[in-house]
Amino acid sequence: MRQFKPEKLFEPRDFVKPDLSEKCYLEIGAGRGLHAIQFAQTNPDKQLIAIERTRVKFEDFAKRCAQQPLDNLTPVHADAIPWVVHALPPESLDGVFLLYPNPEPKSASQRWLNMPFFEFLLSRMKPGAKATLATNIHDYFTEAIKQANQLWQLPFEDFEVDKNSKRTHFEIKYLARDETCYQLDITKPKNYSTRFDD
C-alpha cells in the first residue's frame, strides 16, 4: 500500500478550524443528516462533526439543521480527507461513523479500510475510540473485516444491524426491502501507533 502524504493536501475552500469539545465524534458521508441529527439529539454531551461532500445532500442536511439547531452538531460541506488533515489534531476523536459508504465497485482502493488515509484517520482517534462501518454489501463487509484484522491489526466486533434500525435513509430503504445490513465496530487499542501520531 502506498503511503498517505497529508502535506500534499490543500486546505479546503472556506475552511474554518473547528472548536473541539472533550467528547468529539466524526461522521464521514453524512448524507441528508438523519443519523447526525438523531445522534446529536440523543447525546447532548457529545459533539458531532458531520461531513458531506455532495452539494444536494448537504443542502438538505443544512436545511434540517436550520429548522432544529443543535449546539453540539457541526455540518460541514467538504471533501472529508483534506478537511480531516487540516482540522483535527492527533487523538481528538472519540468515535468515527462510516455509515453506508459508496462501495466503489470499480475501484476497491477507494474503500475506507483499503485507503492509506485510514492510517491517518486512526491517528486522529483516541485510544479506545471506535470506528463504526455499516453496509448492506456482504463482500464489502467481509473485505473490511479482513483489512481490520490483517492490515490494520485492530480488534473489532461484527454483526447484523437490527431490522428496526433507522439511522440513515439508506438503512431504512435496505431494511424495508428485507436486505441484511452489516456493522463492523473497530476499536483503536491503547499504545496503537501510526506514522501520524505527532
N, C-alpha and C. Protein backbone atom coordinates (compact mmCIF):
# COMPACT_ATOMS: atom_id res chain seq x y z
N MET A 1 0.84 -1.20 0.00
CA MET A 1 0.00 0.00 0.00
C MET A 1 0.88 1.25 0.00
N ARG A 2 0.51 2.21 -0.86
CA ARG A 2 1.28 3.45 -0.89
C ARG A 2 1.09 4.22 0.42
N GLN A 3 2.02 5.10 0.73
CA GLN A 3 1.94 5.87 1.97
C GLN A 3 1.11 7.13 1.77
N PHE A 4 0.29 7.43 2.75
CA PHE A 4 -0.52 8.65 2.72
C PHE A 4 0.39 9.85 2.97
N LYS A 5 0.19 10.94 2.19
CA LYS A 5 1.03 12.13 2.30
C LYS A 5 0.15 13.35 2.58
N PRO A 6 -0.15 13.61 3.84
CA PRO A 6 -1.05 14.72 4.18
C PRO A 6 -0.51 16.08 3.76
N GLU A 7 0.80 16.21 3.68
CA GLU A 7 1.39 17.51 3.31
C GLU A 7 1.05 17.91 1.88
N LYS A 8 0.58 16.99 1.08
CA LYS A 8 0.23 17.28 -0.31
C LYS A 8 -1.18 17.87 -0.46
N LEU A 9 -1.96 17.85 0.61
CA LEU A 9 -3.37 18.25 0.52
C LEU A 9 -3.55 19.72 0.90
N PHE A 10 -4.25 20.45 0.05
CA PHE A 10 -4.53 21.86 0.31
C PHE A 10 -5.69 22.00 1.29
N GLU A 11 -5.68 23.10 2.01
CA GLU A 11 -6.79 23.43 2.91
C GLU A 11 -8.07 23.59 2.10
N PRO A 12 -9.19 23.03 2.55
CA PRO A 12 -10.44 23.16 1.79
C PRO A 12 -10.89 24.62 1.65
N ARG A 13 -11.66 24.88 0.62
CA ARG A 13 -12.21 26.23 0.39
C ARG A 13 -13.12 26.61 1.57
N ASP A 14 -13.03 27.87 1.98
CA ASP A 14 -13.84 28.40 3.10
C ASP A 14 -13.62 27.60 4.38
N PHE A 15 -12.44 27.07 4.56
CA PHE A 15 -12.15 26.24 5.72
C PHE A 15 -12.19 27.04 7.02
N VAL A 16 -12.86 26.48 7.99
CA VAL A 16 -12.90 27.04 9.34
C VAL A 16 -12.48 25.94 10.31
N LYS A 17 -11.43 26.17 11.06
CA LYS A 17 -10.95 25.16 12.01
C LYS A 17 -11.97 25.04 13.14
N PRO A 18 -12.41 23.84 13.46
CA PRO A 18 -13.46 23.69 14.47
C PRO A 18 -12.93 23.83 15.89
N ASP A 19 -13.82 24.28 16.79
CA ASP A 19 -13.55 24.22 18.21
C ASP A 19 -13.99 22.84 18.69
N LEU A 20 -13.06 22.07 19.18
CA LEU A 20 -13.37 20.69 19.53
C LEU A 20 -13.69 20.56 21.02
N SER A 21 -14.75 19.83 21.31
CA SER A 21 -15.11 19.58 22.70
C SER A 21 -14.34 18.36 23.21
N GLU A 22 -14.53 18.09 24.49
CA GLU A 22 -13.84 16.96 25.11
C GLU A 22 -14.28 15.64 24.49
N LYS A 23 -15.57 15.54 24.19
CA LYS A 23 -16.10 14.32 23.56
C LYS A 23 -16.53 14.68 22.15
N CYS A 24 -15.72 14.30 21.19
CA CYS A 24 -15.95 14.70 19.80
C CYS A 24 -16.00 13.48 18.89
N TYR A 25 -17.01 13.46 18.03
CA TYR A 25 -17.21 12.38 17.07
C TYR A 25 -17.22 12.95 15.66
N LEU A 26 -16.92 12.10 14.70
CA LEU A 26 -16.89 12.50 13.30
C LEU A 26 -17.73 11.53 12.48
N GLU A 27 -18.59 12.08 11.62
CA GLU A 27 -19.30 11.26 10.65
C GLU A 27 -18.86 11.68 9.26
N ILE A 28 -18.41 10.71 8.47
CA ILE A 28 -17.99 10.98 7.10
C ILE A 28 -19.05 10.41 6.16
N GLY A 29 -19.56 11.27 5.27
CA GLY A 29 -20.63 10.86 4.38
C GLY A 29 -21.97 10.92 5.09
N ALA A 30 -22.28 12.09 5.64
CA ALA A 30 -23.48 12.25 6.47
C ALA A 30 -24.78 12.26 5.67
N GLY A 31 -24.68 12.38 4.34
CA GLY A 31 -25.89 12.39 3.52
C GLY A 31 -26.81 13.55 3.88
N ARG A 32 -28.08 13.25 4.05
CA ARG A 32 -29.07 14.29 4.40
C ARG A 32 -29.16 14.53 5.91
N GLY A 33 -28.29 13.88 6.67
CA GLY A 33 -28.13 14.23 8.07
C GLY A 33 -29.02 13.52 9.07
N LEU A 34 -29.70 12.47 8.65
CA LEU A 34 -30.62 11.79 9.56
C LEU A 34 -29.90 11.25 10.79
N HIS A 35 -28.83 10.48 10.58
CA HIS A 35 -28.09 9.95 11.72
C HIS A 35 -27.46 11.06 12.54
N ALA A 36 -26.90 12.06 11.87
CA ALA A 36 -26.22 13.14 12.59
C ALA A 36 -27.16 13.86 13.54
N ILE A 37 -28.35 14.18 13.07
CA ILE A 37 -29.32 14.90 13.90
C ILE A 37 -29.79 14.01 15.05
N GLN A 38 -30.08 12.74 14.76
CA GLN A 38 -30.52 11.82 15.81
C GLN A 38 -29.43 11.66 16.87
N PHE A 39 -28.18 11.52 16.43
CA PHE A 39 -27.07 11.35 17.37
C PHE A 39 -26.93 12.58 18.26
N ALA A 40 -26.97 13.77 17.65
CA ALA A 40 -26.81 15.00 18.43
C ALA A 40 -27.95 15.18 19.42
N GLN A 41 -29.17 14.84 19.01
CA GLN A 41 -30.32 14.97 19.90
C GLN A 41 -30.24 14.04 21.10
N THR A 42 -29.78 12.81 20.86
CA THR A 42 -29.76 11.82 21.94
C THR A 42 -28.46 11.84 22.75
N ASN A 43 -27.47 12.61 22.30
CA ASN A 43 -26.18 12.71 23.02
C ASN A 43 -25.79 14.17 23.20
N PRO A 44 -26.53 14.91 24.02
CA PRO A 44 -26.25 16.35 24.15
C PRO A 44 -24.88 16.67 24.73
N ASP A 45 -24.26 15.69 25.38
CA ASP A 45 -22.94 15.90 25.98
C ASP A 45 -21.81 15.59 25.00
N LYS A 46 -22.16 15.22 23.75
CA LYS A 46 -21.14 14.86 22.76
C LYS A 46 -21.26 15.76 21.54
N GLN A 47 -20.12 16.16 21.00
CA GLN A 47 -20.08 16.97 19.78
C GLN A 47 -19.93 16.05 18.58
N LEU A 48 -20.71 16.33 17.53
CA LEU A 48 -20.58 15.57 16.28
C LEU A 48 -20.28 16.53 15.14
N ILE A 49 -19.22 16.25 14.42
CA ILE A 49 -18.90 16.95 13.17
C ILE A 49 -19.31 16.01 12.05
N ALA A 50 -20.24 16.44 11.21
CA ALA A 50 -20.79 15.58 10.16
C ALA A 50 -20.46 16.16 8.80
N ILE A 51 -19.69 15.43 8.01
CA ILE A 51 -19.20 15.91 6.73
C ILE A 51 -19.96 15.26 5.58
N GLU A 52 -20.37 16.08 4.63
CA GLU A 52 -20.99 15.58 3.40
C GLU A 52 -20.40 16.33 2.22
N ARG A 53 -19.95 15.59 1.22
CA ARG A 53 -19.30 16.20 0.06
C ARG A 53 -20.31 16.62 -1.01
N THR A 54 -21.38 15.85 -1.20
CA THR A 54 -22.33 16.10 -2.27
C THR A 54 -23.18 17.33 -1.97
N ARG A 55 -23.24 18.26 -2.91
CA ARG A 55 -23.92 19.53 -2.67
C ARG A 55 -25.41 19.36 -2.35
N VAL A 56 -26.13 18.58 -3.18
CA VAL A 56 -27.58 18.45 -2.99
C VAL A 56 -27.90 17.84 -1.63
N LYS A 57 -27.18 16.78 -1.27
CA LYS A 57 -27.42 16.16 0.03
C LYS A 57 -27.07 17.12 1.17
N PHE A 58 -25.95 17.83 1.01
CA PHE A 58 -25.57 18.74 2.08
C PHE A 58 -26.59 19.87 2.24
N GLU A 59 -27.13 20.38 1.15
CA GLU A 59 -28.13 21.44 1.25
C GLU A 59 -29.36 20.96 2.02
N ASP A 60 -29.79 19.73 1.78
CA ASP A 60 -30.90 19.16 2.56
C ASP A 60 -30.54 19.07 4.04
N PHE A 61 -29.32 18.60 4.30
CA PHE A 61 -28.82 18.49 5.67
C PHE A 61 -28.80 19.86 6.34
N ALA A 62 -28.28 20.85 5.66
CA ALA A 62 -28.19 22.20 6.23
C ALA A 62 -29.57 22.77 6.54
N LYS A 63 -30.55 22.51 5.67
CA LYS A 63 -31.93 22.98 5.92
C LYS A 63 -32.50 22.34 7.17
N ARG A 64 -32.26 21.05 7.34
CA ARG A 64 -32.74 20.36 8.55
C ARG A 64 -32.11 20.97 9.80
N CYS A 65 -30.82 21.26 9.71
CA CYS A 65 -30.12 21.85 10.86
C CYS A 65 -30.64 23.24 11.18
N ALA A 66 -31.00 24.00 10.15
CA ALA A 66 -31.54 25.35 10.36
C ALA A 66 -32.91 25.28 11.05
N GLN A 67 -33.68 24.24 10.74
CA GLN A 67 -35.01 24.10 11.33
C GLN A 67 -34.96 23.66 12.79
N GLN A 68 -33.94 22.89 13.14
CA GLN A 68 -33.79 22.44 14.53
C GLN A 68 -32.33 22.52 14.94
N PRO A 69 -31.85 23.75 15.20
CA PRO A 69 -30.43 23.94 15.52
C PRO A 69 -30.02 23.16 16.77
N LEU A 70 -28.84 22.56 16.69
CA LEU A 70 -28.29 21.80 17.80
C LEU A 70 -26.88 22.30 18.05
N ASP A 71 -26.62 22.73 19.28
CA ASP A 71 -25.32 23.31 19.62
C ASP A 71 -24.17 22.32 19.46
N ASN A 72 -24.48 21.04 19.53
CA ASN A 72 -23.42 20.02 19.50
C ASN A 72 -23.27 19.34 18.14
N LEU A 73 -23.88 19.92 17.10
CA LEU A 73 -23.77 19.36 15.75
C LEU A 73 -23.19 20.40 14.80
N THR A 74 -22.12 20.03 14.11
CA THR A 74 -21.49 20.91 13.13
C THR A 74 -21.54 20.26 11.76
N PRO A 75 -22.43 20.72 10.86
CA PRO A 75 -22.43 20.19 9.50
C PRO A 75 -21.33 20.84 8.67
N VAL A 76 -20.65 20.05 7.87
CA VAL A 76 -19.52 20.55 7.07
C VAL A 76 -19.70 20.08 5.64
N HIS A 77 -19.62 21.03 4.69
CA HIS A 77 -19.67 20.69 3.26
C HIS A 77 -18.25 20.69 2.74
N ALA A 78 -17.69 19.50 2.58
CA ALA A 78 -16.28 19.40 2.17
C ALA A 78 -15.96 17.97 1.78
N ASP A 79 -14.82 17.82 1.13
CA ASP A 79 -14.22 16.50 0.95
C ASP A 79 -13.58 16.13 2.29
N ALA A 80 -13.92 14.99 2.82
CA ALA A 80 -13.51 14.64 4.18
C ALA A 80 -12.00 14.53 4.36
N ILE A 81 -11.29 14.03 3.36
CA ILE A 81 -9.87 13.74 3.57
C ILE A 81 -9.05 15.01 3.82
N PRO A 82 -9.08 16.02 2.95
CA PRO A 82 -8.31 17.23 3.28
C PRO A 82 -8.86 17.95 4.50
N TRP A 83 -10.17 17.87 4.72
CA TRP A 83 -10.75 18.53 5.89
C TRP A 83 -10.18 17.93 7.17
N VAL A 84 -10.17 16.62 7.25
CA VAL A 84 -9.63 15.95 8.45
C VAL A 84 -8.16 16.30 8.65
N VAL A 85 -7.40 16.31 7.56
CA VAL A 85 -5.97 16.62 7.65
C VAL A 85 -5.74 18.00 8.26
N HIS A 86 -6.53 18.98 7.84
CA HIS A 86 -6.30 20.35 8.29
C HIS A 86 -7.04 20.70 9.58
N ALA A 87 -8.06 19.92 9.95
CA ALA A 87 -8.91 20.32 11.06
C ALA A 87 -8.63 19.61 12.37
N LEU A 88 -8.15 18.37 12.32
CA LEU A 88 -8.14 17.55 13.53
C LEU A 88 -6.72 17.21 13.99
N PRO A 89 -6.43 17.48 15.26
CA PRO A 89 -5.13 17.07 15.81
C PRO A 89 -5.16 15.58 16.17
N PRO A 90 -3.99 15.00 16.44
CA PRO A 90 -3.95 13.60 16.85
C PRO A 90 -4.78 13.35 18.12
N GLU A 91 -5.37 12.17 18.17
CA GLU A 91 -6.13 11.71 19.34
C GLU A 91 -7.19 12.72 19.80
N SER A 92 -7.98 13.20 18.84
CA SER A 92 -9.03 14.16 19.17
C SER A 92 -10.44 13.60 19.05
N LEU A 93 -10.58 12.39 18.49
CA LEU A 93 -11.91 11.84 18.23
C LEU A 93 -12.22 10.66 19.15
N ASP A 94 -13.45 10.68 19.67
CA ASP A 94 -13.95 9.56 20.49
C ASP A 94 -14.61 8.49 19.63
N GLY A 95 -14.92 8.82 18.39
CA GLY A 95 -15.53 7.84 17.50
C GLY A 95 -15.69 8.38 16.10
N VAL A 96 -15.81 7.46 15.14
CA VAL A 96 -15.98 7.81 13.73
C VAL A 96 -17.12 6.94 13.17
N PHE A 97 -17.99 7.57 12.39
CA PHE A 97 -19.08 6.84 11.73
C PHE A 97 -18.87 6.86 10.22
N LEU A 98 -18.89 5.68 9.62
CA LEU A 98 -18.82 5.49 8.17
C LEU A 98 -20.05 4.65 7.79
N LEU A 99 -21.18 5.30 7.68
CA LEU A 99 -22.45 4.59 7.53
C LEU A 99 -22.86 4.52 6.07
N TYR A 100 -22.84 3.33 5.52
CA TYR A 100 -23.24 3.05 4.14
C TYR A 100 -22.46 3.89 3.13
N PRO A 101 -21.13 3.77 3.19
CA PRO A 101 -20.30 4.50 2.21
C PRO A 101 -20.47 3.91 0.82
N ASN A 102 -20.11 4.72 -0.17
CA ASN A 102 -20.09 4.24 -1.56
C ASN A 102 -19.19 3.00 -1.63
N PRO A 103 -19.70 1.87 -2.13
CA PRO A 103 -18.87 0.65 -2.16
C PRO A 103 -17.77 0.67 -3.21
N GLU A 104 -17.75 1.71 -4.05
CA GLU A 104 -16.69 1.86 -5.06
C GLU A 104 -16.46 0.55 -5.82
N PRO A 105 -17.49 0.04 -6.52
CA PRO A 105 -17.36 -1.26 -7.19
C PRO A 105 -16.26 -1.32 -8.24
N LYS A 106 -15.89 -0.19 -8.83
CA LYS A 106 -14.86 -0.19 -9.87
C LYS A 106 -13.48 0.17 -9.35
N SER A 107 -13.40 0.52 -8.06
CA SER A 107 -12.13 0.96 -7.52
C SER A 107 -12.02 0.56 -6.05
N ALA A 108 -11.64 -0.69 -5.81
CA ALA A 108 -11.55 -1.20 -4.43
C ALA A 108 -10.57 -0.40 -3.58
N SER A 109 -9.59 0.24 -4.21
CA SER A 109 -8.60 1.01 -3.46
C SER A 109 -9.20 2.26 -2.82
N GLN A 110 -10.43 2.63 -3.24
CA GLN A 110 -11.09 3.81 -2.68
C GLN A 110 -12.00 3.48 -1.49
N ARG A 111 -12.06 2.20 -1.10
CA ARG A 111 -12.85 1.83 0.08
C ARG A 111 -12.05 2.20 1.33
N TRP A 112 -12.76 2.63 2.36
CA TRP A 112 -12.10 3.27 3.50
C TRP A 112 -10.97 2.45 4.10
N LEU A 113 -11.19 1.18 4.38
CA LEU A 113 -10.14 0.39 5.03
C LEU A 113 -9.03 -0.03 4.08
N ASN A 114 -9.22 0.22 2.78
CA ASN A 114 -8.18 -0.06 1.79
C ASN A 114 -7.32 1.17 1.51
N MET A 115 -7.71 2.31 2.04
CA MET A 115 -7.04 3.57 1.70
C MET A 115 -5.90 3.87 2.66
N PRO A 116 -4.77 4.39 2.16
CA PRO A 116 -3.70 4.84 3.06
C PRO A 116 -4.19 5.88 4.07
N PHE A 117 -5.20 6.68 3.68
CA PHE A 117 -5.76 7.69 4.59
C PHE A 117 -6.29 7.07 5.88
N PHE A 118 -6.69 5.81 5.85
CA PHE A 118 -7.27 5.21 7.05
C PHE A 118 -6.27 5.22 8.21
N GLU A 119 -4.99 5.10 7.91
CA GLU A 119 -3.97 5.19 8.97
C GLU A 119 -3.99 6.58 9.61
N PHE A 120 -4.13 7.60 8.78
CA PHE A 120 -4.20 8.97 9.30
C PHE A 120 -5.45 9.14 10.16
N LEU A 121 -6.57 8.61 9.69
CA LEU A 121 -7.81 8.70 10.46
C LEU A 121 -7.65 8.03 11.82
N LEU A 122 -7.00 6.88 11.84
CA LEU A 122 -6.75 6.20 13.11
C LEU A 122 -5.92 7.06 14.05
N SER A 123 -4.98 7.81 13.51
CA SER A 123 -4.14 8.68 14.36
C SER A 123 -4.95 9.79 15.01
N ARG A 124 -6.08 10.13 14.43
CA ARG A 124 -6.95 11.20 14.97
C ARG A 124 -7.92 10.66 16.02
N MET A 125 -7.99 9.34 16.18
CA MET A 125 -8.85 8.72 17.17
C MET A 125 -8.10 8.53 18.49
N LYS A 126 -8.82 8.73 19.59
CA LYS A 126 -8.25 8.49 20.90
C LYS A 126 -8.11 6.98 21.14
N PRO A 127 -7.20 6.56 22.01
CA PRO A 127 -7.17 5.15 22.40
C PRO A 127 -8.53 4.76 22.98
N GLY A 128 -9.05 3.64 22.54
CA GLY A 128 -10.37 3.20 22.99
C GLY A 128 -11.52 3.67 22.12
N ALA A 129 -11.25 4.60 21.19
CA ALA A 129 -12.30 5.10 20.30
C ALA A 129 -12.69 4.03 19.29
N LYS A 130 -13.93 4.14 18.80
CA LYS A 130 -14.43 3.17 17.83
C LYS A 130 -14.72 3.82 16.48
N ALA A 131 -14.42 3.08 15.42
CA ALA A 131 -14.86 3.45 14.08
C ALA A 131 -15.96 2.46 13.69
N THR A 132 -17.12 2.98 13.36
CA THR A 132 -18.28 2.15 13.01
C THR A 132 -18.52 2.22 11.51
N LEU A 133 -18.45 1.07 10.86
CA LEU A 133 -18.72 0.95 9.43
C LEU A 133 -20.00 0.13 9.26
N ALA A 134 -20.95 0.63 8.47
CA ALA A 134 -22.16 -0.12 8.16
C ALA A 134 -22.33 -0.20 6.65
N THR A 135 -22.80 -1.36 6.18
CA THR A 135 -23.01 -1.56 4.75
C THR A 135 -24.06 -2.65 4.54
N ASN A 136 -24.69 -2.63 3.38
CA ASN A 136 -25.61 -3.72 3.02
C ASN A 136 -24.96 -4.69 2.03
N ILE A 137 -23.68 -4.50 1.76
CA ILE A 137 -22.98 -5.31 0.76
C ILE A 137 -22.05 -6.29 1.48
N HIS A 138 -22.38 -7.56 1.40
CA HIS A 138 -21.65 -8.57 2.18
C HIS A 138 -20.17 -8.64 1.79
N ASP A 139 -19.86 -8.54 0.50
CA ASP A 139 -18.45 -8.59 0.09
C ASP A 139 -17.65 -7.42 0.65
N TYR A 140 -18.25 -6.25 0.68
CA TYR A 140 -17.60 -5.07 1.27
C TYR A 140 -17.32 -5.33 2.75
N PHE A 141 -18.32 -5.89 3.41
CA PHE A 141 -18.23 -6.17 4.84
C PHE A 141 -17.11 -7.17 5.14
N THR A 142 -17.07 -8.28 4.40
CA THR A 142 -16.04 -9.30 4.66
C THR A 142 -14.65 -8.77 4.31
N GLU A 143 -14.55 -7.95 3.28
CA GLU A 143 -13.26 -7.35 2.95
C GLU A 143 -12.80 -6.41 4.07
N ALA A 144 -13.73 -5.62 4.62
CA ALA A 144 -13.39 -4.69 5.71
C ALA A 144 -12.93 -5.46 6.95
N ILE A 145 -13.58 -6.58 7.24
CA ILE A 145 -13.16 -7.42 8.37
C ILE A 145 -11.72 -7.91 8.14
N LYS A 146 -11.45 -8.37 6.94
CA LYS A 146 -10.10 -8.87 6.62
C LYS A 146 -9.06 -7.76 6.79
N GLN A 147 -9.38 -6.56 6.32
CA GLN A 147 -8.43 -5.45 6.42
C GLN A 147 -8.22 -5.02 7.87
N ALA A 148 -9.30 -4.96 8.63
CA ALA A 148 -9.19 -4.59 10.05
C ALA A 148 -8.29 -5.58 10.78
N ASN A 149 -8.44 -6.85 10.44
CA ASN A 149 -7.69 -7.90 11.12
C ASN A 149 -6.25 -8.00 10.64
N GLN A 150 -6.07 -8.10 9.33
CA GLN A 150 -4.75 -8.41 8.79
C GLN A 150 -3.89 -7.17 8.52
N LEU A 151 -4.48 -6.16 7.88
CA LEU A 151 -3.69 -4.98 7.52
C LEU A 151 -3.49 -4.04 8.70
N TRP A 152 -4.61 -3.69 9.38
CA TRP A 152 -4.53 -2.70 10.45
C TRP A 152 -4.32 -3.32 11.82
N GLN A 153 -4.54 -4.63 11.93
CA GLN A 153 -4.32 -5.37 13.18
C GLN A 153 -5.07 -4.72 14.35
N LEU A 154 -6.37 -4.56 14.14
CA LEU A 154 -7.23 -3.91 15.12
C LEU A 154 -8.29 -4.87 15.63
N PRO A 155 -8.65 -4.76 16.90
CA PRO A 155 -9.76 -5.57 17.41
C PRO A 155 -11.09 -5.03 16.89
N PHE A 156 -12.06 -5.91 16.71
CA PHE A 156 -13.34 -5.48 16.15
C PHE A 156 -14.45 -6.42 16.58
N GLU A 157 -15.68 -5.93 16.43
CA GLU A 157 -16.88 -6.74 16.57
C GLU A 157 -17.66 -6.61 15.28
N ASP A 158 -18.24 -7.71 14.80
CA ASP A 158 -19.04 -7.66 13.57
C ASP A 158 -20.37 -8.33 13.82
N PHE A 159 -21.44 -7.74 13.26
CA PHE A 159 -22.78 -8.28 13.50
C PHE A 159 -23.75 -7.71 12.47
N GLU A 160 -24.94 -8.28 12.45
CA GLU A 160 -26.01 -7.77 11.58
C GLU A 160 -26.74 -6.64 12.29
N VAL A 161 -27.13 -5.64 11.52
CA VAL A 161 -27.86 -4.48 12.06
C VAL A 161 -29.28 -4.91 12.39
N ASP A 162 -29.78 -4.42 13.51
CA ASP A 162 -31.16 -4.71 13.93
C ASP A 162 -32.14 -4.28 12.84
N LYS A 163 -33.11 -5.13 12.57
CA LYS A 163 -34.09 -4.88 11.49
C LYS A 163 -34.91 -3.62 11.72
N ASN A 164 -34.98 -3.14 12.96
CA ASN A 164 -35.77 -1.94 13.27
C ASN A 164 -34.93 -0.66 13.28
N SER A 165 -33.66 -0.77 12.95
CA SER A 165 -32.79 0.40 12.97
C SER A 165 -33.18 1.39 11.87
N LYS A 166 -33.04 2.68 12.17
CA LYS A 166 -33.42 3.73 11.22
C LYS A 166 -32.40 4.87 11.27
N ARG A 167 -31.11 4.54 11.19
CA ARG A 167 -30.08 5.57 11.35
C ARG A 167 -29.92 6.46 10.13
N THR A 168 -30.07 5.88 8.93
CA THR A 168 -29.88 6.67 7.72
C THR A 168 -30.99 6.34 6.73
N HIS A 169 -31.16 7.20 5.72
CA HIS A 169 -32.16 6.92 4.68
C HIS A 169 -31.82 5.63 3.93
N PHE A 170 -30.53 5.38 3.69
CA PHE A 170 -30.12 4.14 3.05
C PHE A 170 -30.50 2.93 3.90
N GLU A 171 -30.23 3.02 5.19
CA GLU A 171 -30.52 1.90 6.08
C GLU A 171 -32.02 1.59 6.10
N ILE A 172 -32.84 2.63 6.18
CA ILE A 172 -34.29 2.45 6.16
C ILE A 172 -34.73 1.75 4.88
N LYS A 173 -34.18 2.21 3.75
CA LYS A 173 -34.54 1.63 2.46
C LYS A 173 -34.11 0.17 2.36
N TYR A 174 -32.88 -0.14 2.75
CA TYR A 174 -32.38 -1.51 2.63
C TYR A 174 -33.16 -2.47 3.52
N LEU A 175 -33.41 -2.06 4.76
CA LEU A 175 -34.11 -2.94 5.68
C LEU A 175 -35.57 -3.12 5.28
N ALA A 176 -36.18 -2.07 4.70
CA ALA A 176 -37.55 -2.18 4.21
C ALA A 176 -37.65 -3.19 3.07
N ARG A 177 -36.56 -3.34 2.30
CA ARG A 177 -36.52 -4.33 1.22
C ARG A 177 -36.12 -5.71 1.72
N ASP A 178 -36.02 -5.84 3.04
CA ASP A 178 -35.66 -7.10 3.69
C ASP A 178 -34.23 -7.53 3.36
N GLU A 179 -33.37 -6.55 3.09
CA GLU A 179 -31.95 -6.84 2.93
C GLU A 179 -31.29 -6.93 4.30
N THR A 180 -30.19 -7.64 4.37
CA THR A 180 -29.39 -7.68 5.59
C THR A 180 -28.38 -6.55 5.55
N CYS A 181 -28.28 -5.82 6.65
CA CYS A 181 -27.26 -4.78 6.79
C CYS A 181 -26.25 -5.26 7.84
N TYR A 182 -25.01 -4.88 7.64
CA TYR A 182 -23.92 -5.37 8.48
C TYR A 182 -23.19 -4.20 9.14
N GLN A 183 -22.68 -4.47 10.34
CA GLN A 183 -21.92 -3.43 11.05
C GLN A 183 -20.61 -4.00 11.57
N LEU A 184 -19.58 -3.18 11.43
CA LEU A 184 -18.25 -3.51 11.93
C LEU A 184 -17.81 -2.39 12.87
N ASP A 185 -17.59 -2.72 14.13
CA ASP A 185 -17.11 -1.75 15.13
C ASP A 185 -15.64 -2.05 15.39
N ILE A 186 -14.78 -1.12 14.98
CA ILE A 186 -13.34 -1.29 15.10
C ILE A 186 -12.84 -0.41 16.24
N THR A 187 -12.08 -0.98 17.15
CA THR A 187 -11.58 -0.24 18.31
C THR A 187 -10.08 0.03 18.16
N LYS A 188 -9.69 1.26 18.48
CA LYS A 188 -8.26 1.59 18.50
C LYS A 188 -7.71 1.27 19.89
N PRO A 189 -6.79 0.32 19.99
CA PRO A 189 -6.27 -0.06 21.31
C PRO A 189 -5.32 0.99 21.88
N LYS A 190 -5.09 0.91 23.16
CA LYS A 190 -4.05 1.72 23.80
C LYS A 190 -2.71 1.31 23.21
N ASN A 191 -1.83 2.27 23.08
CA ASN A 191 -0.47 2.04 22.57
C ASN A 191 -0.42 1.68 21.09
N TYR A 192 -1.55 1.85 20.38
CA TYR A 192 -1.54 1.63 18.92
C TYR A 192 -0.84 2.82 18.27
N SER A 193 0.12 2.58 17.42
CA SER A 193 0.88 3.69 16.85
C SER A 193 0.71 3.76 15.34
N THR A 194 0.76 4.99 14.83
CA THR A 194 0.74 5.24 13.38
C THR A 194 1.88 6.19 13.04
N ARG A 195 2.09 6.42 11.76
CA ARG A 195 3.14 7.36 11.33
C ARG A 195 2.72 8.81 11.51
N PHE A 196 1.49 9.04 11.95
CA PHE A 196 0.95 10.40 12.00
C PHE A 196 0.57 10.83 13.42
N ASP A 197 1.18 10.21 14.41
CA ASP A 197 0.80 10.48 15.80
C ASP A 197 1.28 11.83 16.30
N ASP A 198 2.31 12.39 15.70
CA ASP A 198 2.86 13.68 16.17
C ASP A 198 2.35 14.83 15.34
